[in-house]
Amino acid sequence: MNTYLNLVKTVLDNGSLRTNRTGINTIMYFGYHYKVDLSKGFPLLTTKKIFFNSVIRELLWYLKGETHIRNLRKHTKIWDAWTNEKKNWEIGKMYGYQWVKWEKFQEDIKTGKITKSYINQIEDVINLIKNNPDSRRMVVTAWNPSVLDEIALPSCHAFFIFSVTNGKLNCHLTQRSGDIALGIPFNLACYATLTQMIAQETNLELGEFSHYINDAHIYENHIEGLNEQITRNPLPLPTLEIASKPFWDLEFEDFKLKNYTHHPIIKFPVAV
């Protein structure tokens, strides 16, 4: 997919050297934006192998709203770098928890009693799409300032917005920080899948995925691998088939990736 390769080339050619908390310097480019037409095929990178099963496992984990990775790591270890057994595999109230269990507190003026309830932002968006498709308020946020000091990693893909245009569902993701080699390919596939799930639930066609990355960066120890990747020619995109089931009933076995051909794996170390 040339869209991704253009991102890599832009950061390599125009980025600035930056230090960061991991101790591994990055080449950083400020404010990169691209769009993908989801009707043209499922945007899973073909210039290296992406482990699609892990993408689906992670997305379904988000949608469960869990604050630990105990169940996730039965299938994939992609989150192991941010917690461990001593911490009981806890990561805190991160992405999925904020998506489906955003905490709401209300105080009774007369008694002073405070009650807590939860907001399922994903369900609210689905209801808006079904009942008020012209709404400009189809927003889901994972950025909750009140928990930043309690979680394993402040949310990189901070919030996303849906829009319905001419019977098509579009999704825009704003990302505060993006690891080009490792994170962005997963983010792209994750949100493309989520958009397709919601489009199917709301009887809409697939539109565009729009992605803004505020701090688009490449770690220095990823440069060699990415230089290899940009020499490879993209292959035809695969397609994703999702079982015809209610949104919240979908399980891992309901996702079928068809005709995925790809170049060999390129291994990149994780910077924590």
C-alpha atoms as a PDB file:
ATOM      1  CA  MET A   1       0.000   0.000   0.000  1.00  0.00           C
ATOM      2  CA  ASN A   2       1.686   3.146  -1.251  1.00  0.00           C
ATOM      3  CA  THR A   3      -0.116   5.327   1.302  1.00  0.00           C
ATOM      4  CA  TYR A   4       1.913   3.772   4.111  1.00  0.00           C
ATOM      5  CA  LEU A   5       5.179   3.807   2.162  1.00  0.00           C
ATOM      6  CA  ASN A   6       4.674   7.534   1.498  1.00  0.00           C
ATOM      7  CA  LEU A   7       4.331   8.076   5.238  1.00  0.00           C
ATOM      8  CA  VAL A   8       7.584   6.229   5.886  1.00  0.00           C
ATOM      9  CA  LYS A   9       9.429   8.183   3.194  1.00  0.00           C
ATOM     10  CA  THR A  10       8.108  11.529   4.467  1.00  0.00           C
ATOM     11  CA  VAL A  11       9.313  10.878   8.010  1.00  0.00           C
ATOM     12  CA  LEU A  12      12.709   9.550   6.882  1.00  0.00           C
ATOM     13  CA  ASP A  13      13.273  12.445   4.463  1.00  0.00           C
ATOM     14  CA  ASN A  14      11.839  15.341   6.461  1.00  0.00           C
ATOM     15  CA  GLY A  15      11.842  14.322  10.117  1.00  0.00           C
ATOM     16  CA  SER A  16      13.861  15.813  12.960  1.00  0.00           C
ATOM     17  CA  LEU A  17      15.973  13.940  15.502  1.00  0.00           C
ATOM     18  CA  ARG A  18      14.261  13.775  18.885  1.00  0.00           C
ATOM     19  CA  THR A  19      15.004  12.276  22.285  1.00  0.00           C
ATOM     20  CA  ASN A  20      12.245  10.590  24.298  1.00  0.00           C
ATOM     21  CA  ARG A  21      11.460   8.627  27.455  1.00  0.00           C
ATOM     22  CA  THR A  22      12.531   5.249  25.977  1.00  0.00           C
ATOM     23  CA  GLY A  23      16.183   6.234  25.563  1.00  0.00           C
ATOM     24  CA  ILE A  24      16.086   5.343  21.855  1.00  0.00           C
ATOM     25  CA  ASN A  25      16.101   8.443  19.661  1.00  0.00           C
ATOM     26  CA  THR A  26      13.486   8.944  16.975  1.00  0.00           C
ATOM     27  CA  ILE A  27      13.143  10.749  13.682  1.00  0.00           C
ATOM     28  CA  MET A  28       9.945  12.735  14.224  1.00  0.00           C
ATOM     29  CA  TYR A  29       7.633  14.453  11.740  1.00  0.00           C
ATOM     30  CA  PHE A  30       4.911  16.764  13.029  1.00  0.00           C
ATOM     31  CA  GLY A  31       1.347  16.503  11.790  1.00  0.00           C
ATOM     32  CA  TYR A  32       0.979  13.812   9.127  1.00  0.00           C
ATOM     33  CA  HIS A  33      -2.414  13.040   7.592  1.00  0.00           C
ATOM     34  CA  TYR A  34      -3.580  10.465   5.062  1.00  0.00           C
ATOM     35  CA  LYS A  35      -6.809   8.844   3.866  1.00  0.00           C
ATOM     36  CA  VAL A  36      -7.662   5.323   2.713  1.00  0.00           C
ATOM     37  CA  ASP A  37     -10.730   4.284   0.707  1.00  0.00           C
ATOM     38  CA  LEU A  38     -11.975   1.234   2.599  1.00  0.00           C
ATOM     39  CA  SER A  39     -14.139   0.148  -0.328  1.00  0.00           C
ATOM     40  CA  LYS A  40     -10.971  -0.611  -2.328  1.00  0.00           C
ATOM     41  CA  GLY A  41      -9.866  -3.473  -0.097  1.00  0.00           C
ATOM     42  CA  PHE A  42      -8.891  -4.116   3.497  1.00  0.00           C
ATOM     43  CA  PRO A  43      -5.833  -1.925   4.301  1.00  0.00           C
ATOM     44  CA  LEU A  44      -3.536  -4.559   5.764  1.00  0.00           C
ATOM     45  CA  LEU A  45       0.087  -3.930   4.805  1.00  0.00           C
ATOM     46  CA  THR A  46       1.485  -6.273   2.169  1.00  0.00           C
ATOM     47  CA  THR A  47       5.086  -5.008   2.157  1.00  0.00           C
ATOM     48  CA  LYS A  48       5.624  -7.059   5.302  1.00  0.00           C
ATOM     49  CA  LYS A  49       3.512  -9.632   7.103  1.00  0.00           C
ATOM     50  CA  ILE A  50       1.068  -8.238   9.662  1.00  0.00           C
ATOM     51  CA  PHE A  51      -0.237 -10.702  12.237  1.00  0.00           C
ATOM     52  CA  PHE A  52      -3.917 -10.109  11.582  1.00  0.00           C
ATOM     53  CA  ASN A  53      -5.067 -12.528  14.273  1.00  0.00           C
ATOM     54  CA  SER A  54      -3.399 -10.300  16.873  1.00  0.00           C
ATOM     55  CA  VAL A  55      -5.175  -7.248  15.429  1.00  0.00           C
ATOM     56  CA  ILE A  56      -8.566  -8.902  15.934  1.00  0.00           C
ATOM     57  CA  ARG A  57      -7.677 -10.239  19.373  1.00  0.00           C
ATOM     58  CA  GLU A  58      -6.608  -6.766  20.479  1.00  0.00           C
ATOM     59  CA  LEU A  59      -9.733  -5.076  19.077  1.00  0.00           C
ATOM     60  CA  LEU A  60     -12.079  -7.560  20.760  1.00  0.00           C
ATOM     61  CA  TRP A  61     -10.116  -7.062  23.979  1.00  0.00           C
ATOM     62  CA  TYR A  62     -10.673  -3.316  23.699  1.00  0.00           C
ATOM     63  CA  LEU A  63     -14.392  -3.862  23.251  1.00  0.00           C
ATOM     64  CA  LYS A  64     -14.556  -5.926  26.446  1.00  0.00           C
ATOM     65  CA  GLY A  65     -13.241  -2.976  28.442  1.00  0.00           C
ATOM     66  CA  GLU A  66     -10.782  -5.054  30.477  1.00  0.00           C
ATOM     67  CA  THR A  67      -8.100  -3.335  32.572  1.00  0.00           C
ATOM     68  CA  HIS A  68      -5.693  -6.272  32.411  1.00  0.00           C
ATOM     69  CA  ILE A  69      -4.177  -8.464  29.697  1.00  0.00           C
ATOM     70  CA  ARG A  70      -4.626 -11.847  31.338  1.00  0.00           C
ATOM     71  CA  ASN A  71      -7.123 -13.043  28.734  1.00  0.00           C
ATOM     72  CA  LEU A  72      -5.480 -11.253  25.805  1.00  0.00           C
ATOM     73  CA  ARG A  73      -2.071 -12.817  26.356  1.00  0.00           C
ATOM     74  CA  LYS A  74      -3.531 -16.299  25.962  1.00  0.00           C
ATOM     75  CA  HIS A  75      -3.555 -15.438  22.269  1.00  0.00           C
ATOM     76  CA  THR A  76      -0.965 -12.696  21.746  1.00  0.00           C
ATOM     77  CA  LYS A  77       1.847 -11.165  23.784  1.00  0.00           C
ATOM     78  CA  ILE A  78       1.768  -7.734  22.090  1.00  0.00           C
ATOM     79  CA  TRP A  79       0.985  -5.953  25.378  1.00  0.00           C
ATOM     80  CA  ASP A  80       3.435  -7.875  27.587  1.00  0.00           C
ATOM     81  CA  ALA A  81       6.069  -5.125  27.360  1.00  0.00           C
ATOM     82  CA  TRP A  82       3.907  -2.748  29.418  1.00  0.00           C
ATOM     83  CA  THR A  83       3.116  -4.934  32.400  1.00  0.00           C
ATOM     84  CA  ASN A  84       4.122  -8.237  34.005  1.00  0.00           C
ATOM     85  CA  GLU A  85       3.069 -11.029  36.325  1.00  0.00           C
ATOM     86  CA  LYS A  86       4.181  -9.093  39.426  1.00  0.00           C
ATOM     87  CA  LYS A  87       1.676  -6.403  38.464  1.00  0.00           C
ATOM     88  CA  ASN A  88      -0.977  -9.086  37.913  1.00  0.00           C
ATOM     89  CA  TRP A  89      -0.861  -8.143  34.214  1.00  0.00           C
ATOM     90  CA  GLU A  90      -2.781  -4.954  34.969  1.00  0.00           C
ATOM     91  CA  ILE A  91      -2.535  -1.951  32.642  1.00  0.00           C
ATOM     92  CA  GLY A  92      -5.277   0.205  34.152  1.00  0.00           C
ATOM     93  CA  LYS A  93      -8.254   2.040  32.713  1.00  0.00           C
ATOM     94  CA  MET A  94      -6.906   2.448  29.208  1.00  0.00           C
ATOM     95  CA  TYR A  95      -8.347   2.239  25.695  1.00  0.00           C
ATOM     96  CA  GLY A  96     -11.155  -0.284  25.942  1.00  0.00           C
ATOM     97  CA  TYR A  97     -12.230   0.708  29.425  1.00  0.00           C
ATOM     98  CA  GLN A  98     -12.681   4.303  28.308  1.00  0.00           C
ATOM     99  CA  TRP A  99     -14.465   3.200  25.121  1.00  0.00           C
ATOM    100  CA  VAL A 100     -17.148   1.145  26.845  1.00  0.00           C
ATOM    101  CA  LYS A 101     -16.991   1.985  30.581  1.00  0.00           C
ATOM    102  CA  TRP A 102     -16.325   5.728  30.794  1.00  0.00           C
ATOM    103  CA  GLU A 103     -17.085   6.607  34.405  1.00  0.00           C
ATOM    104  CA  LYS A 104     -19.779   9.183  35.114  1.00  0.00           C
ATOM    105  CA  PHE A 105     -20.316  10.597  38.596  1.00  0.00           C
ATOM    106  CA  GLN A 106     -23.474  12.351  39.737  1.00  0.00           C
ATOM    107  CA  GLU A 107     -24.094  14.084  43.037  1.00  0.00           C
ATOM    108  CA  ASP A 108     -27.506  14.274  44.677  1.00  0.00           C
ATOM    109  CA  ILE A 109     -27.818  17.944  45.641  1.00  0.00           C
ATOM    110  CA  LYS A 110     -30.058  17.182  48.602  1.00  0.00           C
ATOM    111  CA  THR A 111     -28.157  14.286  50.169  1.00  0.00           C
ATOM    112  CA  GLY A 112     -24.656  14.855  48.813  1.00  0.00           C
ATOM    113  CA  LYS A 113     -24.558  11.204  47.814  1.00  0.00           C
ATOM    114  CA  ILE A 114     -22.427  10.482  44.753  1.00  0.00           C
ATOM    115  CA  THR A 115     -23.379   7.673  42.382  1.00  0.00           C
ATOM    116  CA  LYS A 116     -21.279   6.201  39.601  1.00  0.00           C
ATOM    117  CA  SER A 117     -22.541   4.967  36.263  1.00  0.00           C
ATOM    118  CA  TYR A 118     -20.850   4.043  33.001  1.00  0.00           C
ATOM    119  CA  ILE A 119     -21.057   5.313  29.435  1.00  0.00           C
ATOM    120  CA  ASN A 120     -20.574   2.914  26.547  1.00  0.00           C
ATOM    121  CA  GLN A 121     -19.264   5.349  23.950  1.00  0.00           C
ATOM    122  CA  ILE A 122     -19.236   2.729  21.193  1.00  0.00           C
ATOM    123  CA  GLU A 123     -22.887   1.859  21.751  1.00  0.00           C
ATOM    124  CA  ASP A 124     -23.808   5.545  21.851  1.00  0.00           C
ATOM    125  CA  VAL A 125     -22.089   6.086  18.489  1.00  0.00           C
ATOM    126  CA  ILE A 126     -23.872   3.100  16.950  1.00  0.00           C
ATOM    127  CA  ASN A 127     -27.216   4.479  18.158  1.00  0.00           C
ATOM    128  CA  LEU A 128     -26.427   7.909  16.713  1.00  0.00           C
ATOM    129  CA  ILE A 129     -25.512   6.411  13.356  1.00  0.00           C
ATOM    130  CA  LYS A 130     -28.780   4.479  13.279  1.00  0.00           C
ATOM    131  CA  ASN A 131     -31.045   7.257  14.513  1.00  0.00           C
ATOM    132  CA  ASN A 132     -29.326  10.526  13.581  1.00  0.00           C
ATOM    133  CA  PRO A 133     -26.821   9.813  10.785  1.00  0.00           C
ATOM    134  CA  ASP A 134     -26.247  13.528  10.100  1.00  0.00           C
ATOM    135  CA  SER A 135     -24.922  14.059  13.628  1.00  0.00           C
ATOM    136  CA  ARG A 136     -21.487  15.619  14.023  1.00  0.00           C
ATOM    137  CA  ARG A 137     -21.137  14.206  17.537  1.00  0.00           C
ATOM    138  CA  MET A 138     -20.164  10.599  16.821  1.00  0.00           C
ATOM    139  CA  VAL A 139     -17.039  10.864  18.949  1.00  0.00           C
ATOM    140  CA  VAL A 140     -15.231   8.262  21.055  1.00  0.00           C
ATOM    141  CA  THR A 141     -12.379   9.370  23.292  1.00  0.00           C
ATOM    142  CA  ALA A 142      -9.787   7.238  25.043  1.00  0.00           C
ATOM    143  CA  TRP A 143      -7.973  10.253  26.512  1.00  0.00           C
ATOM    144  CA  ASN A 144      -9.025  10.640  30.131  1.00  0.00           C
ATOM    145  CA  PRO A 145      -6.753  13.058  32.052  1.00  0.00           C
ATOM    146  CA  SER A 146      -7.935  11.749  35.414  1.00  0.00           C
ATOM    147  CA  VAL A 147      -6.246   8.354  34.917  1.00  0.00           C
ATOM    148  CA  LEU A 148      -2.992   9.297  33.177  1.00  0.00           C
ATOM    149  CA  ASP A 149      -0.936   8.668  36.318  1.00  0.00           C
ATOM    150  CA  GLU A 150      -2.549   5.265  36.866  1.00  0.00           C
ATOM    151  CA  ILE A 151      -2.213   3.549  33.490  1.00  0.00           C
ATOM    152  CA  ALA A 152       0.592   1.700  31.728  1.00  0.00           C
ATOM    153  CA  LEU A 153       0.660   4.013  28.714  1.00  0.00           C
ATOM    154  CA  PRO A 154      -1.304   7.200  27.968  1.00  0.00           C
ATOM    155  CA  SER A 155      -3.494   6.479  24.952  1.00  0.00           C
ATOM    156  CA  CYS A 156      -1.632   7.019  21.675  1.00  0.00           C
ATOM    157  CA  HIS A 157      -4.719   6.771  19.476  1.00  0.00           C
ATOM    158  CA  ALA A 158      -6.572   9.319  21.534  1.00  0.00           C
ATOM    159  CA  PHE A 159      -9.975   9.781  19.902  1.00  0.00           C
ATOM    160  CA  PHE A 160     -11.954   8.943  16.800  1.00  0.00           C
ATOM    161  CA  ILE A 161     -14.986  10.312  15.005  1.00  0.00           C
ATOM    162  CA  PHE A 162     -17.491   8.737  12.621  1.00  0.00           C
ATOM    163  CA  SER A 163     -19.337  10.457   9.817  1.00  0.00           C
ATOM    164  CA  VAL A 164     -22.037   9.229   7.452  1.00  0.00           C
ATOM    165  CA  THR A 165     -21.870  10.563   3.890  1.00  0.00           C
ATOM    166  CA  ASN A 166     -24.054   9.362   1.009  1.00  0.00           C
ATOM    167  CA  GLY A 167     -24.804   6.067   2.698  1.00  0.00           C
ATOM    168  CA  LYS A 168     -21.165   5.405   3.547  1.00  0.00           C
ATOM    169  CA  LEU A 169     -19.528   5.239   6.961  1.00  0.00           C
ATOM    170  CA  ASN A 170     -16.269   7.164   7.401  1.00  0.00           C
ATOM    171  CA  CYS A 171     -13.938   7.119  10.381  1.00  0.00           C
ATOM    172  CA  HIS A 172     -11.315   9.665  11.407  1.00  0.00           C
ATOM    173  CA  LEU A 173      -8.651   8.808  13.999  1.00  0.00           C
ATOM    174  CA  THR A 174      -6.539  11.408  15.760  1.00  0.00           C
ATOM    175  CA  GLN A 175      -3.358   9.977  17.185  1.00  0.00           C
ATOM    176  CA  ARG A 176      -1.149  11.956  19.568  1.00  0.00           C
ATOM    177  CA  SER A 177       1.867   9.739  18.882  1.00  0.00           C
ATOM    178  CA  GLY A 178       2.552   7.033  16.330  1.00  0.00           C
ATOM    179  CA  ASP A 179       5.316   4.434  16.062  1.00  0.00           C
ATOM    180  CA  ILE A 180       5.506   4.129  12.274  1.00  0.00           C
ATOM    181  CA  ALA A 181       7.117   0.690  12.100  1.00  0.00           C
ATOM    182  CA  LEU A 182       5.103  -1.173  14.734  1.00  0.00           C
ATOM    183  CA  GLY A 183       2.069   0.793  15.878  1.00  0.00           C
ATOM    184  CA  ILE A 184       0.629   2.449  12.794  1.00  0.00           C
ATOM    185  CA  PRO A 185       0.078  -0.747  10.737  1.00  0.00           C
ATOM    186  CA  PHE A 186      -1.863  -2.216  13.672  1.00  0.00           C
ATOM    187  CA  ASN A 187      -3.826   0.993  14.253  1.00  0.00           C
ATOM    188  CA  LEU A 188      -4.812   1.184  10.594  1.00  0.00           C
ATOM    189  CA  ALA A 189      -6.010  -2.423  10.522  1.00  0.00           C
ATOM    190  CA  CYS A 190      -7.772  -2.117  13.889  1.00  0.00           C
ATOM    191  CA  TYR A 191      -9.834   0.938  13.006  1.00  0.00           C
ATOM    192  CA  ALA A 192     -10.587  -0.330   9.509  1.00  0.00           C
ATOM    193  CA  THR A 193     -12.006  -3.459  11.136  1.00  0.00           C
ATOM    194  CA  LEU A 194     -14.001  -1.497  13.707  1.00  0.00           C
ATOM    195  CA  THR A 195     -15.413   0.724  10.959  1.00  0.00           C
ATOM    196  CA  GLN A 196     -16.465  -2.321   8.954  1.00  0.00           C
ATOM    197  CA  MET A 197     -18.092  -3.871  12.030  1.00  0.00           C
ATOM    198  CA  ILE A 198     -20.112  -0.727  12.705  1.00  0.00           C
ATOM    199  CA  ALA A 199     -20.978  -0.231   9.023  1.00  0.00           C
ATOM    200  CA  GLN A 200     -22.356  -3.763   8.932  1.00  0.00           C
ATOM    201  CA  GLU A 201     -24.329  -3.168  12.139  1.00  0.00           C
ATOM    202  CA  THR A 202     -25.846   0.045  10.755  1.00  0.00           C
ATOM    203  CA  ASN A 203     -26.456  -1.156   7.163  1.00  0.00           C
ATOM    204  CA  LEU A 204     -23.999   1.291   5.597  1.00  0.00           C
ATOM    205  CA  GLU A 205     -21.360   0.925   2.912  1.00  0.00           C
ATOM    206  CA  LEU A 206     -17.684   1.436   3.673  1.00  0.00           C
ATOM    207  CA  GLY A 207     -16.328   4.934   3.109  1.00  0.00           C
ATOM    208  CA  GLU A 208     -12.948   6.395   4.025  1.00  0.00           C
ATOM    209  CA  PHE A 209     -10.566   6.027   6.925  1.00  0.00           C
ATOM    210  CA  SER A 210      -8.852   9.313   7.743  1.00  0.00           C
ATOM    211  CA  HIS A 211      -5.798   9.309  10.022  1.00  0.00           C
ATOM    212  CA  TYR A 212      -3.953  12.224  11.607  1.00  0.00           C
ATOM    213  CA  ILE A 213      -0.712  11.487  13.489  1.00  0.00           C
ATOM    214  CA  ASN A 214       0.557  14.377  15.582  1.00  0.00           C
ATOM    215  CA  ASP A 215       3.998  12.970  16.442  1.00  0.00           C
ATOM    216  CA  ALA A 216       4.774  10.551  13.612  1.00  0.00           C
ATOM    217  CA  HIS A 217       8.072   8.935  14.496  1.00  0.00           C
ATOM    218  CA  ILE A 218      10.562   6.255  13.526  1.00  0.00           C
ATOM    219  CA  TYR A 219      12.922   4.818  16.138  1.00  0.00           C
ATOM    220  CA  GLU A 220      16.570   4.801  15.101  1.00  0.00           C
ATOM    221  CA  ASN A 221      16.753   1.017  15.402  1.00  0.00           C
ATOM    222  CA  HIS A 222      13.815   0.713  12.971  1.00  0.00           C
ATOM    223  CA  ILE A 223      15.406   2.695  10.146  1.00  0.00           C
ATOM    224  CA  GLU A 224      17.198  -0.234   8.529  1.00  0.00           C
ATOM    225  CA  GLY A 225      14.068  -2.366   8.407  1.00  0.00           C
ATOM    226  CA  LEU A 226      11.926   0.441   7.028  1.00  0.00           C
ATOM    227  CA  ASN A 227      14.506   1.218   4.355  1.00  0.00           C
ATOM    228  CA  GLU A 228      14.138  -2.401   3.291  1.00  0.00           C
ATOM    229  CA  GLN A 229      10.368  -2.175   3.373  1.00  0.00           C
ATOM    230  CA  ILE A 230      10.107   0.874   1.096  1.00  0.00           C
ATOM    231  CA  THR A 231      11.989  -1.024  -1.650  1.00  0.00           C
ATOM    232  CA  ARG A 232       9.184  -3.580  -1.823  1.00  0.00           C
ATOM    233  CA  ASN A 233       6.258  -3.239  -4.212  1.00  0.00           C
ATOM    234  CA  PRO A 234       2.797  -3.395  -2.596  1.00  0.00           C
ATOM    235  CA  LEU A 235       0.670  -6.436  -3.477  1.00  0.00           C
ATOM    236  CA  PRO A 236      -3.125  -6.499  -4.012  1.00  0.00           C
ATOM    237  CA  LEU A 237      -5.085  -5.810  -0.836  1.00  0.00           C
ATOM    238  CA  PRO A 238      -6.987  -8.615   0.874  1.00  0.00           C
ATOM    239  CA  THR A 239     -10.656  -8.508   1.818  1.00  0.00           C
ATOM    240  CA  LEU A 240     -12.235  -8.936   5.227  1.00  0.00           C
ATOM    241  CA  GLU A 241     -15.438 -10.882   5.735  1.00  0.00           C
ATOM    242  CA  ILE A 242     -17.342 -10.482   9.003  1.00  0.00           C
ATOM    243  CA  ALA A 243     -20.153 -12.826  10.003  1.00  0.00           C
ATOM    244  CA  SER A 244     -23.667 -11.413   9.869  1.00  0.00           C
ATOM    245  CA  LYS A 245     -24.238 -11.141  13.601  1.00  0.00           C
ATOM    246  CA  PRO A 246     -25.133  -8.347  16.041  1.00  0.00           C
ATOM    247  CA  PHE A 247     -22.133  -6.135  16.802  1.00  0.00           C
ATOM    248  CA  TRP A 248     -21.702  -7.166  20.429  1.00  0.00           C
ATOM    249  CA  ASP A 249     -22.028 -10.888  19.601  1.00  0.00           C
ATOM    250  CA  LEU A 250     -19.071 -10.973  17.219  1.00  0.00           C
ATOM    251  CA  GLU A 251     -16.233 -13.300  18.230  1.00  0.00           C
ATOM    252  CA  PHE A 252     -12.769 -14.025  16.878  1.00  0.00           C
ATOM    253  CA  GLU A 253     -13.992 -16.847  14.639  1.00  0.00           C
ATOM    254  CA  ASP A 254     -16.400 -14.445  12.878  1.00  0.00           C
ATOM    255  CA  PHE A 255     -13.578 -12.589  11.100  1.00  0.00           C
ATOM    256  CA  LYS A 256     -12.160 -14.091   7.904  1.00  0.00           C
ATOM    257  CA  LEU A 257      -9.271 -12.488   6.019  1.00  0.00           C
ATOM    258  CA  LYS A 258      -9.317 -13.472   2.366  1.00  0.00           C
ATOM    259  CA  ASN A 259      -6.501 -13.450  -0.221  1.00  0.00           C
ATOM    260  CA  TYR A 260      -3.776 -11.947   1.971  1.00  0.00           C
ATOM    261  CA  THR A 261      -0.452 -12.105   0.134  1.00  0.00           C
ATOM    262  CA  HIS A 262       2.558 -10.348   1.585  1.00  0.00           C
ATOM    263  CA  HIS A 263       6.324  -9.923   1.585  1.00  0.00           C
ATOM    264  CA  PRO A 264       8.406 -11.534   4.376  1.00  0.00           C
ATOM    265  CA  ILE A 265       8.330 -10.473   7.999  1.00  0.00           C
ATOM    266  CA  ILE A 266      10.517  -7.573   9.121  1.00  0.00           C
ATOM    267  CA  LYS A 267      11.241  -7.701  12.840  1.00  0.00           C
ATOM    268  CA  PHE A 268      11.324  -4.444  14.801  1.00  0.00           C
ATOM    269  CA  PRO A 269      12.236  -4.210  18.507  1.00  0.00           C
ATOM    270  CA  VAL A 270       9.679  -2.595  20.819  1.00  0.00           C
ATOM    271  CA  ALA A 271      10.711   0.618  22.593  1.00  0.00           C
ATOM    272  CA  VAL A 272       9.092   0.884  26.026  1.00  0.00           C
END
